[in-house]
Amino acid sequence: MQNYRKITLITCLFAIVTMFIGCSTRSISNSGYEERSVFGYKASPDNPFYKGELSEFDVIGIDPAADVTEDDIQKAMSNSASSMELKKGSAIMLIQSGAMIPDSSMVDAMSRYFNVSVFSGVSQTVNDGKSHYSRLLRLSAATGGYSKIVCYWGLLEAAQKDLSSKTVSWVPFLGSVIPDEDQQMRLRLKVAVIDVGTGRWEMFSPKAFEDQARSSRNSRGMSDQQQVLLLKEKSYSAAVEALVARYAR
């Protein structure tokens, strides 16, 4: 009975470790690689500038704690009848949630069609609420002569599988190579477009991209970051093309 309990405990602990090792989620604004320990991934990559994500409410100006009436809903419906337009060559303020400045590959992709100014997406505490913060964003854009704000969020989702065997293999951790792995990674984006003059907004999610790469213990960090870079470039380019297709006139 005692041996059975030990085996059960070990099995449960391995299942928990496997759960943390097998799947992880990272923001595109905190996408550095953290070495895996025997107990699974360490805490989030150590980016001193990363303070968390902006929420949709931060950007679009809706206070989630406010009382909402039916009249508020009907008024919002009447104000959203006109279509959103984003002319090629127009001036926009670009924000990447969680980042001090947007990734350069996104800025380059956007600059092919628009006059781009970058703005911090680091979460800020505003005493007067979410709607006040969104007005500060719009005021900043208006002062700079930008008619639209484009804010985007992104998640990197990874699943790792042991290729050598489905059974448990214990190997020394220090000074050894963990068996080769295939890392499957996916990047999903969400994009919000806000009209500076009216505060009206629209949001969409472009195509998600996936990549798979095999790596050893010694090359895993480099392989991981190569995947991140590849997926960002593909996803950003696709997001901009989708933006142009939807709104450019």
C-alpha atoms as a PDB file:
ATOM      1  CA  MET A   1       0.000   0.000   0.000  1.00  0.00           C
ATOM      2  CA  GLN A   2       2.819   2.368   0.867  1.00  0.00           C
ATOM      3  CA  ASN A   3       4.551   1.707  -2.459  1.00  0.00           C
ATOM      4  CA  TYR A   4       1.259   2.255  -4.273  1.00  0.00           C
ATOM      5  CA  ARG A   5       0.841   5.625  -2.587  1.00  0.00           C
ATOM      6  CA  LYS A   6       4.377   6.617  -3.534  1.00  0.00           C
ATOM      7  CA  ILE A   7       3.765   5.658  -7.159  1.00  0.00           C
ATOM      8  CA  THR A   8       0.490   7.584  -7.184  1.00  0.00           C
ATOM      9  CA  LEU A   9       2.148  10.672  -5.690  1.00  0.00           C
ATOM     10  CA  ILE A  10       4.989  10.538  -8.232  1.00  0.00           C
ATOM     11  CA  THR A  11       2.484  10.149 -11.059  1.00  0.00           C
ATOM     12  CA  CYS A  12       0.503  13.158  -9.874  1.00  0.00           C
ATOM     13  CA  LEU A  13       3.623  15.293  -9.510  1.00  0.00           C
ATOM     14  CA  PHE A  14       4.770  14.329 -12.993  1.00  0.00           C
ATOM     15  CA  ALA A  15       1.352  15.216 -14.401  1.00  0.00           C
ATOM     16  CA  ILE A  16       1.560  18.660 -12.802  1.00  0.00           C
ATOM     17  CA  VAL A  17       5.093  19.219 -14.097  1.00  0.00           C
ATOM     18  CA  THR A  18       4.061  18.050 -17.571  1.00  0.00           C
ATOM     19  CA  MET A  19       1.139  20.471 -17.537  1.00  0.00           C
ATOM     20  CA  PHE A  20       3.469  23.433 -16.922  1.00  0.00           C
ATOM     21  CA  ILE A  21       6.113  22.184 -19.360  1.00  0.00           C
ATOM     22  CA  GLY A  22       3.691  21.267 -22.138  1.00  0.00           C
ATOM     23  CA  CYS A  23       1.904  24.534 -22.591  1.00  0.00           C
ATOM     24  CA  SER A  24       2.712  28.164 -21.982  1.00  0.00           C
ATOM     25  CA  THR A  25       1.376  31.545 -23.041  1.00  0.00           C
ATOM     26  CA  ARG A  26       3.444  34.690 -23.544  1.00  0.00           C
ATOM     27  CA  SER A  27       2.648  38.216 -24.601  1.00  0.00           C
ATOM     28  CA  ILE A  28       4.372  39.524 -27.725  1.00  0.00           C
ATOM     29  CA  SER A  29       5.566  42.351 -25.469  1.00  0.00           C
ATOM     30  CA  ASN A  30       7.252  39.891 -23.085  1.00  0.00           C
ATOM     31  CA  SER A  31       8.415  37.235 -25.514  1.00  0.00           C
ATOM     32  CA  GLY A  32      11.955  36.482 -24.325  1.00  0.00           C
ATOM     33  CA  TYR A  33      12.970  32.881 -23.651  1.00  0.00           C
ATOM     34  CA  GLU A  34      13.341  31.548 -20.110  1.00  0.00           C
ATOM     35  CA  GLU A  35      15.347  28.365 -19.600  1.00  0.00           C
ATOM     36  CA  ARG A  36      13.316  25.437 -18.352  1.00  0.00           C
ATOM     37  CA  SER A  37      14.193  23.921 -15.012  1.00  0.00           C
ATOM     38  CA  VAL A  38      13.467  20.389 -13.865  1.00  0.00           C
ATOM     39  CA  PHE A  39      10.227  21.712 -12.337  1.00  0.00           C
ATOM     40  CA  GLY A  40       9.033  23.336 -15.561  1.00  0.00           C
ATOM     41  CA  TYR A  41       9.275  26.878 -16.880  1.00  0.00           C
ATOM     42  CA  LYS A  42      10.469  29.617 -14.608  1.00  0.00           C
ATOM     43  CA  ALA A  43       8.478  32.786 -14.127  1.00  0.00           C
ATOM     44  CA  SER A  44       7.769  35.093 -17.056  1.00  0.00           C
ATOM     45  CA  PRO A  45      10.797  36.318 -19.010  1.00  0.00           C
ATOM     46  CA  ASP A  46      12.520  39.097 -17.103  1.00  0.00           C
ATOM     47  CA  ASN A  47      11.603  42.210 -19.079  1.00  0.00           C
ATOM     48  CA  PRO A  48      11.991  45.166 -16.683  1.00  0.00           C
ATOM     49  CA  PHE A  49       9.753  47.372 -18.837  1.00  0.00           C
ATOM     50  CA  TYR A  50       6.836  44.936 -18.973  1.00  0.00           C
ATOM     51  CA  LYS A  51       4.075  45.926 -16.522  1.00  0.00           C
ATOM     52  CA  GLY A  52       1.176  43.941 -17.950  1.00  0.00           C
ATOM     53  CA  GLU A  53      -1.302  44.530 -20.741  1.00  0.00           C
ATOM     54  CA  LEU A  54      -3.724  47.301 -21.581  1.00  0.00           C
ATOM     55  CA  SER A  55      -7.301  46.105 -21.521  1.00  0.00           C
ATOM     56  CA  GLU A  56      -9.825  46.896 -24.220  1.00  0.00           C
ATOM     57  CA  PHE A  57     -11.579  49.168 -21.724  1.00  0.00           C
ATOM     58  CA  ASP A  58      -8.361  51.166 -21.269  1.00  0.00           C
ATOM     59  CA  VAL A  59      -8.263  51.927 -24.978  1.00  0.00           C
ATOM     60  CA  ILE A  60     -11.881  52.264 -26.097  1.00  0.00           C
ATOM     61  CA  GLY A  61     -13.070  54.345 -23.141  1.00  0.00           C
ATOM     62  CA  ILE A  62     -15.745  52.241 -21.481  1.00  0.00           C
ATOM     63  CA  ASP A  63     -15.827  52.071 -17.707  1.00  0.00           C
ATOM     64  CA  PRO A  64     -16.737  48.453 -16.780  1.00  0.00           C
ATOM     65  CA  ALA A  65     -18.012  49.637 -13.397  1.00  0.00           C
ATOM     66  CA  ALA A  66     -20.418  52.214 -14.828  1.00  0.00           C
ATOM     67  CA  ASP A  67     -24.194  51.773 -14.821  1.00  0.00           C
ATOM     68  CA  VAL A  68     -25.463  51.220 -18.371  1.00  0.00           C
ATOM     69  CA  THR A  69     -29.021  52.032 -19.441  1.00  0.00           C
ATOM     70  CA  GLU A  70     -30.977  50.962 -22.496  1.00  0.00           C
ATOM     71  CA  ASP A  71     -30.804  54.559 -23.740  1.00  0.00           C
ATOM     72  CA  ASP A  72     -26.991  54.358 -23.613  1.00  0.00           C
ATOM     73  CA  ILE A  73     -27.067  51.272 -25.818  1.00  0.00           C
ATOM     74  CA  GLN A  74     -29.483  52.756 -28.342  1.00  0.00           C
ATOM     75  CA  LYS A  75     -27.457  55.983 -28.530  1.00  0.00           C
ATOM     76  CA  ALA A  76     -24.272  53.981 -29.142  1.00  0.00           C
ATOM     77  CA  MET A  77     -26.034  52.033 -31.894  1.00  0.00           C
ATOM     78  CA  SER A  78     -27.112  55.209 -33.679  1.00  0.00           C
ATOM     79  CA  ASN A  79     -23.609  56.666 -33.471  1.00  0.00           C
ATOM     80  CA  SER A  80     -22.011  53.566 -35.016  1.00  0.00           C
ATOM     81  CA  ALA A  81     -23.981  53.603 -38.251  1.00  0.00           C
ATOM     82  CA  SER A  82     -21.247  55.210 -40.361  1.00  0.00           C
ATOM     83  CA  SER A  83     -18.355  53.092 -41.655  1.00  0.00           C
ATOM     84  CA  MET A  84     -14.804  53.433 -40.338  1.00  0.00           C
ATOM     85  CA  GLU A  85     -12.281  54.714 -42.881  1.00  0.00           C
ATOM     86  CA  LEU A  86      -8.500  54.769 -42.733  1.00  0.00           C
ATOM     87  CA  LYS A  87      -7.043  56.448 -45.778  1.00  0.00           C
ATOM     88  CA  LYS A  88      -3.681  55.359 -47.124  1.00  0.00           C
ATOM     89  CA  GLY A  89      -1.048  57.903 -46.200  1.00  0.00           C
ATOM     90  CA  SER A  90      -3.064  59.181 -43.234  1.00  0.00           C
ATOM     91  CA  ALA A  91      -1.442  59.804 -39.862  1.00  0.00           C
ATOM     92  CA  ILE A  92      -1.997  57.176 -37.162  1.00  0.00           C
ATOM     93  CA  MET A  93      -0.736  56.613 -33.617  1.00  0.00           C
ATOM     94  CA  LEU A  94       0.422  53.010 -33.165  1.00  0.00           C
ATOM     95  CA  ILE A  95       0.319  51.255 -29.779  1.00  0.00           C
ATOM     96  CA  GLN A  96       1.474  47.764 -28.834  1.00  0.00           C
ATOM     97  CA  SER A  97      -0.150  46.651 -25.600  1.00  0.00           C
ATOM     98  CA  GLY A  98       2.444  46.098 -22.882  1.00  0.00           C
ATOM     99  CA  ALA A  99       5.385  47.597 -24.803  1.00  0.00           C
ATOM    100  CA  MET A 100       7.119  50.952 -24.455  1.00  0.00           C
ATOM    101  CA  ILE A 101       7.293  51.090 -28.266  1.00  0.00           C
ATOM    102  CA  PRO A 102       5.789  48.758 -30.883  1.00  0.00           C
ATOM    103  CA  ASP A 103       7.981  46.088 -32.462  1.00  0.00           C
ATOM    104  CA  SER A 104      10.006  47.455 -35.363  1.00  0.00           C
ATOM    105  CA  SER A 105       8.623  44.865 -37.794  1.00  0.00           C
ATOM    106  CA  MET A 106       5.090  46.112 -37.085  1.00  0.00           C
ATOM    107  CA  VAL A 107       6.154  49.745 -37.485  1.00  0.00           C
ATOM    108  CA  ASP A 108       7.827  48.892 -40.807  1.00  0.00           C
ATOM    109  CA  ALA A 109       4.750  47.036 -42.054  1.00  0.00           C
ATOM    110  CA  MET A 110       2.407  49.887 -41.088  1.00  0.00           C
ATOM    111  CA  SER A 111       4.727  52.527 -42.552  1.00  0.00           C
ATOM    112  CA  ARG A 112       4.275  51.058 -46.017  1.00  0.00           C
ATOM    113  CA  TYR A 113       0.737  52.471 -46.033  1.00  0.00           C
ATOM    114  CA  PHE A 114       0.496  55.118 -43.309  1.00  0.00           C
ATOM    115  CA  ASN A 115       2.331  57.938 -41.574  1.00  0.00           C
ATOM    116  CA  VAL A 116       3.085  56.226 -38.265  1.00  0.00           C
ATOM    117  CA  SER A 117       3.812  57.679 -34.836  1.00  0.00           C
ATOM    118  CA  VAL A 118       4.563  55.253 -31.991  1.00  0.00           C
ATOM    119  CA  PHE A 119       3.171  55.588 -28.475  1.00  0.00           C
ATOM    120  CA  SER A 120       3.705  53.706 -25.223  1.00  0.00           C
ATOM    121  CA  GLY A 121       1.458  50.739 -24.476  1.00  0.00           C
ATOM    122  CA  VAL A 122       2.705  50.314 -20.906  1.00  0.00           C
ATOM    123  CA  SER A 123      -0.232  50.072 -18.526  1.00  0.00           C
ATOM    124  CA  GLN A 124      -0.858  53.302 -16.606  1.00  0.00           C
ATOM    125  CA  THR A 125      -2.916  53.971 -13.478  1.00  0.00           C
ATOM    126  CA  VAL A 126      -5.390  56.786 -13.980  1.00  0.00           C
ATOM    127  CA  ASN A 127      -7.390  57.851 -10.934  1.00  0.00           C
ATOM    128  CA  ASP A 128     -10.453  59.032 -12.845  1.00  0.00           C
ATOM    129  CA  GLY A 129     -11.107  55.664 -14.512  1.00  0.00           C
ATOM    130  CA  LYS A 130     -10.765  53.909 -17.848  1.00  0.00           C
ATOM    131  CA  SER A 131     -12.742  56.400 -19.909  1.00  0.00           C
ATOM    132  CA  HIS A 132     -10.428  59.194 -18.744  1.00  0.00           C
ATOM    133  CA  TYR A 133      -7.355  57.220 -19.869  1.00  0.00           C
ATOM    134  CA  SER A 134      -8.804  56.648 -23.337  1.00  0.00           C
ATOM    135  CA  ARG A 135      -9.466  60.392 -23.638  1.00  0.00           C
ATOM    136  CA  LEU A 136      -5.825  61.044 -22.749  1.00  0.00           C
ATOM    137  CA  LEU A 137      -4.813  58.747 -25.602  1.00  0.00           C
ATOM    138  CA  ARG A 138      -7.127  60.559 -28.001  1.00  0.00           C
ATOM    139  CA  LEU A 139      -5.883  63.960 -26.797  1.00  0.00           C
ATOM    140  CA  SER A 140      -2.276  62.851 -27.346  1.00  0.00           C
ATOM    141  CA  ALA A 141      -3.126  61.712 -30.866  1.00  0.00           C
ATOM    142  CA  ALA A 142      -5.091  64.872 -31.649  1.00  0.00           C
ATOM    143  CA  THR A 143      -2.267  67.089 -30.413  1.00  0.00           C
ATOM    144  CA  GLY A 144       0.124  65.315 -32.751  1.00  0.00           C
ATOM    145  CA  GLY A 145      -2.252  65.571 -35.694  1.00  0.00           C
ATOM    146  CA  TYR A 146      -3.174  61.881 -35.842  1.00  0.00           C
ATOM    147  CA  SER A 147      -6.719  61.011 -36.829  1.00  0.00           C
ATOM    148  CA  LYS A 148      -6.680  57.326 -35.812  1.00  0.00           C
ATOM    149  CA  ILE A 149      -5.238  55.184 -33.052  1.00  0.00           C
ATOM    150  CA  VAL A 150      -4.318  51.580 -33.857  1.00  0.00           C
ATOM    151  CA  CYS A 151      -3.687  49.387 -30.821  1.00  0.00           C
ATOM    152  CA  TYR A 152      -2.862  45.697 -30.995  1.00  0.00           C
ATOM    153  CA  TRP A 153      -2.445  42.786 -28.591  1.00  0.00           C
ATOM    154  CA  GLY A 154      -0.713  39.468 -29.218  1.00  0.00           C
ATOM    155  CA  LEU A 155      -0.319  36.087 -27.538  1.00  0.00           C
ATOM    156  CA  LEU A 156       2.333  33.475 -28.274  1.00  0.00           C
ATOM    157  CA  GLU A 157       1.025  30.011 -27.480  1.00  0.00           C
ATOM    158  CA  ALA A 158       3.448  27.090 -27.376  1.00  0.00           C
ATOM    159  CA  ALA A 159       3.019  23.332 -26.934  1.00  0.00           C
ATOM    160  CA  GLN A 160       6.081  21.137 -26.446  1.00  0.00           C
ATOM    161  CA  LYS A 161       6.131  17.380 -26.991  1.00  0.00           C
ATOM    162  CA  ASP A 162       8.784  14.829 -26.122  1.00  0.00           C
ATOM    163  CA  LEU A 163       9.733  13.023 -29.364  1.00  0.00           C
ATOM    164  CA  SER A 164      11.841  10.262 -27.829  1.00  0.00           C
ATOM    165  CA  SER A 165       9.163   8.342 -25.943  1.00  0.00           C
ATOM    166  CA  LYS A 166       5.776   8.594 -24.283  1.00  0.00           C
ATOM    167  CA  THR A 167       7.234   7.054 -21.158  1.00  0.00           C
ATOM    168  CA  VAL A 168       8.952   8.903 -18.335  1.00  0.00           C
ATOM    169  CA  SER A 169      12.735   9.104 -18.765  1.00  0.00           C
ATOM    170  CA  TRP A 170      14.764  10.554 -15.904  1.00  0.00           C
ATOM    171  CA  VAL A 171      18.079  12.116 -16.929  1.00  0.00           C
ATOM    172  CA  PRO A 172      20.612  14.199 -15.002  1.00  0.00           C
ATOM    173  CA  PHE A 173      19.695  17.857 -15.276  1.00  0.00           C
ATOM    174  CA  LEU A 174      23.088  19.505 -14.903  1.00  0.00           C
ATOM    175  CA  GLY A 175      25.672  18.986 -17.619  1.00  0.00           C
ATOM    176  CA  SER A 176      23.410  16.946 -19.866  1.00  0.00           C
ATOM    177  CA  VAL A 177      21.215  17.308 -22.913  1.00  0.00           C
ATOM    178  CA  ILE A 178      17.484  16.840 -22.591  1.00  0.00           C
ATOM    179  CA  PRO A 179      16.066  14.713 -25.463  1.00  0.00           C
ATOM    180  CA  ASP A 180      15.200  16.606 -28.639  1.00  0.00           C
ATOM    181  CA  GLU A 181      11.829  18.313 -28.790  1.00  0.00           C
ATOM    182  CA  ASP A 182       9.494  19.722 -31.389  1.00  0.00           C
ATOM    183  CA  GLN A 183       8.131  23.096 -30.306  1.00  0.00           C
ATOM    184  CA  GLN A 184       4.858  24.127 -31.851  1.00  0.00           C
ATOM    185  CA  MET A 185       4.112  27.818 -31.526  1.00  0.00           C
ATOM    186  CA  ARG A 186       1.188  29.983 -32.596  1.00  0.00           C
ATOM    187  CA  LEU A 187       0.751  33.760 -32.582  1.00  0.00           C
ATOM    188  CA  ARG A 188      -2.692  35.324 -32.301  1.00  0.00           C
ATOM    189  CA  LEU A 189      -3.286  39.064 -32.701  1.00  0.00           C
ATOM    190  CA  LYS A 190      -6.159  41.386 -31.888  1.00  0.00           C
ATOM    191  CA  VAL A 191      -6.306  44.860 -33.435  1.00  0.00           C
ATOM    192  CA  ALA A 192      -8.401  47.880 -32.382  1.00  0.00           C
ATOM    193  CA  VAL A 193      -8.907  50.958 -34.572  1.00  0.00           C
ATOM    194  CA  ILE A 194     -10.136  54.100 -32.766  1.00  0.00           C
ATOM    195  CA  ASP A 195     -11.290  57.300 -34.408  1.00  0.00           C
ATOM    196  CA  VAL A 196      -9.660  60.156 -32.495  1.00  0.00           C
ATOM    197  CA  GLY A 197     -12.382  62.705 -33.227  1.00  0.00           C
ATOM    198  CA  THR A 198     -15.425  60.645 -32.233  1.00  0.00           C
ATOM    199  CA  GLY A 199     -14.036  57.881 -30.020  1.00  0.00           C
ATOM    200  CA  ARG A 200     -15.767  55.302 -32.218  1.00  0.00           C
ATOM    201  CA  TRP A 201     -13.866  52.022 -32.478  1.00  0.00           C
ATOM    202  CA  GLU A 202     -13.767  48.684 -34.250  1.00  0.00           C
ATOM    203  CA  MET A 203     -11.796  45.533 -33.471  1.00  0.00           C
ATOM    204  CA  PHE A 204     -10.751  42.460 -35.460  1.00  0.00           C
ATOM    205  CA  SER A 205      -8.446  39.440 -35.280  1.00  0.00           C
ATOM    206  CA  PRO A 206      -6.293  38.700 -38.339  1.00  0.00           C
ATOM    207  CA  LYS A 207      -5.118  35.251 -39.412  1.00  0.00           C
ATOM    208  CA  ALA A 208      -3.137  33.317 -36.797  1.00  0.00           C
ATOM    209  CA  PHE A 209       0.176  31.783 -37.858  1.00  0.00           C
ATOM    210  CA  GLU A 210       1.864  28.610 -36.590  1.00  0.00           C
ATOM    211  CA  ASP A 211       5.402  27.284 -36.732  1.00  0.00           C
ATOM    212  CA  GLN A 212       7.139  24.097 -35.630  1.00  0.00           C
ATOM    213  CA  ALA A 213      10.856  23.617 -35.011  1.00  0.00           C
ATOM    214  CA  ARG A 214      12.994  20.864 -33.540  1.00  0.00           C
ATOM    215  CA  SER A 215      15.714  21.750 -31.063  1.00  0.00           C
ATOM    216  CA  SER A 216      18.028  20.217 -28.502  1.00  0.00           C
ATOM    217  CA  ARG A 217      18.683  21.416 -24.990  1.00  0.00           C
ATOM    218  CA  ASN A 218      21.643  23.506 -26.155  1.00  0.00           C
ATOM    219  CA  SER A 219      19.826  25.180 -29.047  1.00  0.00           C
ATOM    220  CA  ARG A 220      16.343  25.531 -27.599  1.00  0.00           C
ATOM    221  CA  GLY A 221      16.614  29.191 -26.591  1.00  0.00           C
ATOM    222  CA  MET A 222      17.904  30.274 -29.994  1.00  0.00           C
ATOM    223  CA  SER A 223      15.305  28.158 -31.796  1.00  0.00           C
ATOM    224  CA  ASP A 224      12.523  29.606 -29.642  1.00  0.00           C
ATOM    225  CA  GLN A 225      13.492  33.191 -30.408  1.00  0.00           C
ATOM    226  CA  GLN A 226      13.820  32.446 -34.124  1.00  0.00           C
ATOM    227  CA  GLN A 227      10.260  31.122 -34.068  1.00  0.00           C
ATOM    228  CA  VAL A 228       9.041  34.214 -32.245  1.00  0.00           C
ATOM    229  CA  LEU A 229      10.709  36.505 -34.785  1.00  0.00           C
ATOM    230  CA  LEU A 230       9.347  34.543 -37.750  1.00  0.00           C
ATOM    231  CA  LEU A 231       5.789  34.484 -36.405  1.00  0.00           C
ATOM    232  CA  LYS A 232       5.866  38.182 -35.544  1.00  0.00           C
ATOM    233  CA  GLU A 233       6.975  39.143 -39.046  1.00  0.00           C
ATOM    234  CA  LYS A 234       4.307  36.967 -40.694  1.00  0.00           C
ATOM    235  CA  SER A 235       1.545  38.020 -38.309  1.00  0.00           C
ATOM    236  CA  TYR A 236       2.311  41.734 -38.440  1.00  0.00           C
ATOM    237  CA  SER A 237       2.424  41.760 -42.221  1.00  0.00           C
ATOM    238  CA  ALA A 238      -0.893  39.886 -42.416  1.00  0.00           C
ATOM    239  CA  ALA A 239      -2.472  42.184 -39.822  1.00  0.00           C
ATOM    240  CA  VAL A 240      -1.537  45.304 -41.783  1.00  0.00           C
ATOM    241  CA  GLU A 241      -2.833  43.833 -45.047  1.00  0.00           C
ATOM    242  CA  ALA A 242      -6.104  42.947 -43.296  1.00  0.00           C
ATOM    243  CA  LEU A 243      -6.284  46.481 -41.877  1.00  0.00           C
ATOM    244  CA  VAL A 244      -5.818  48.005 -45.316  1.00  0.00           C
ATOM    245  CA  ALA A 245      -8.364  45.651 -46.865  1.00  0.00           C
ATOM    246  CA  ARG A 246     -10.950  46.494 -44.212  1.00  0.00           C
ATOM    247  CA  TYR A 247     -10.564  50.251 -43.823  1.00  0.00           C
ATOM    248  CA  ALA A 248      -8.351  51.851 -46.483  1.00  0.00           C
ATOM    249  CA  ARG A 249     -10.182  53.904 -49.095  1.00  0.00           C
END
